[in-house]
Amino acid sequence: MNTQLPNLGLISVLGKGGTATVYRAKQLSTGRDVAVKVLDADFVETADDIIRFLDEARACARFRHRNIVRVYDAGETDGIYYFVMELINGYTFATYLQRKKQIAADDALIILESVAAALQYAWQKFRVVHCDLKPDNIMVDADGTIKLMDLGIAKSLLTGARENKGKEEEIMGTPAYMSPEQIYDLKDIDCRSDIYSLGATIYHLITGTTLFPGKTDQQVVDCHIGASFARDPRRIVPSIPKKLALILNRMLAKDRNLRYPNWETLSADIQHLYADEPLLATPLQPRESSVIFSLE
């Protein structure tokens, strides 16, 4: 590793994605083990990109929630942009899916509840929307705690890349989990966009398949906004609770006005499911959601 960063001793590569490389490192001033995400050069092409990245990364350091990976610092040296974050001794659910193919519904409910709590905190306190929810950005720590990564950073990278790429590259994010309003590039995206993406993520976790498998990225994008519908998850895994399928049906409404209006109402329905009480959500009409809910 030739990368040299101030106050950091890089130890090993933890992973590499489409926007950055993540290293295990030692913070020299504190002796603390940390993770360091170093951005690819393509995502910091202009002065506005740099300002946006540094401002939003430092803003993430304000977050104090047990289900959000802490960001300690952000900086630049010799044209290399990076941020320093909490080191999680665990694995992402993308890695888990590669090994186990799917996740039990009870475990998926814990993930749903934990991520919803993290995003409710971020939205209520800071009006932050993640914009890139997916199994790669959700981890489980060694003690079983669910941890959400890249909160705030994803939004910053998304915005910068959109402004600097060509027309055919404007849609950023991960197509399998993108909300319709992200695809339409609406300027007033709110927490309901993350509710859709979290629904798509949980669907993948419990069924072992994305909403629209076997298609190109462009075809998947078209499916989110068009007349395409994923199967009721119970058709794939019959043991999935009916009420969980109904919650996903509402989370994945194509029209954001038909989704849960906020994290509080979604969290309330999760508690109703646990208590075996009637849900706030009712089944959407056919064609209104990206996932079908079978009444029987």
Foldseek 3Di string as FASTA:
>chain_A
DPDDDPQKAFDAWPDDDDFWTKTFIARNVVRDIWIKTKTDLLLQVDPVLVVLLQVQLVVQQPDDDQQAWHWDHWDDDPSITMTITHDAAWAFVVVVCVVPLADAQVLLLVLVLSVLVSVQCCCVPPQWEQQADARRQWTAGPVGRIHGYRGRVNVSSLVSNLVPDDPVPNQDYQLLQFALCSLVVDPPDGRLRVLSSSLQRSLCRHQSDGLDPPDDSVVSNCLLQHQAAREQSCVRVVVNDLLSSQLSQQSQFNDSVSHDVGSVLSSVQSVCVVVVHDHPGDHDDRSRGNYDRDPD
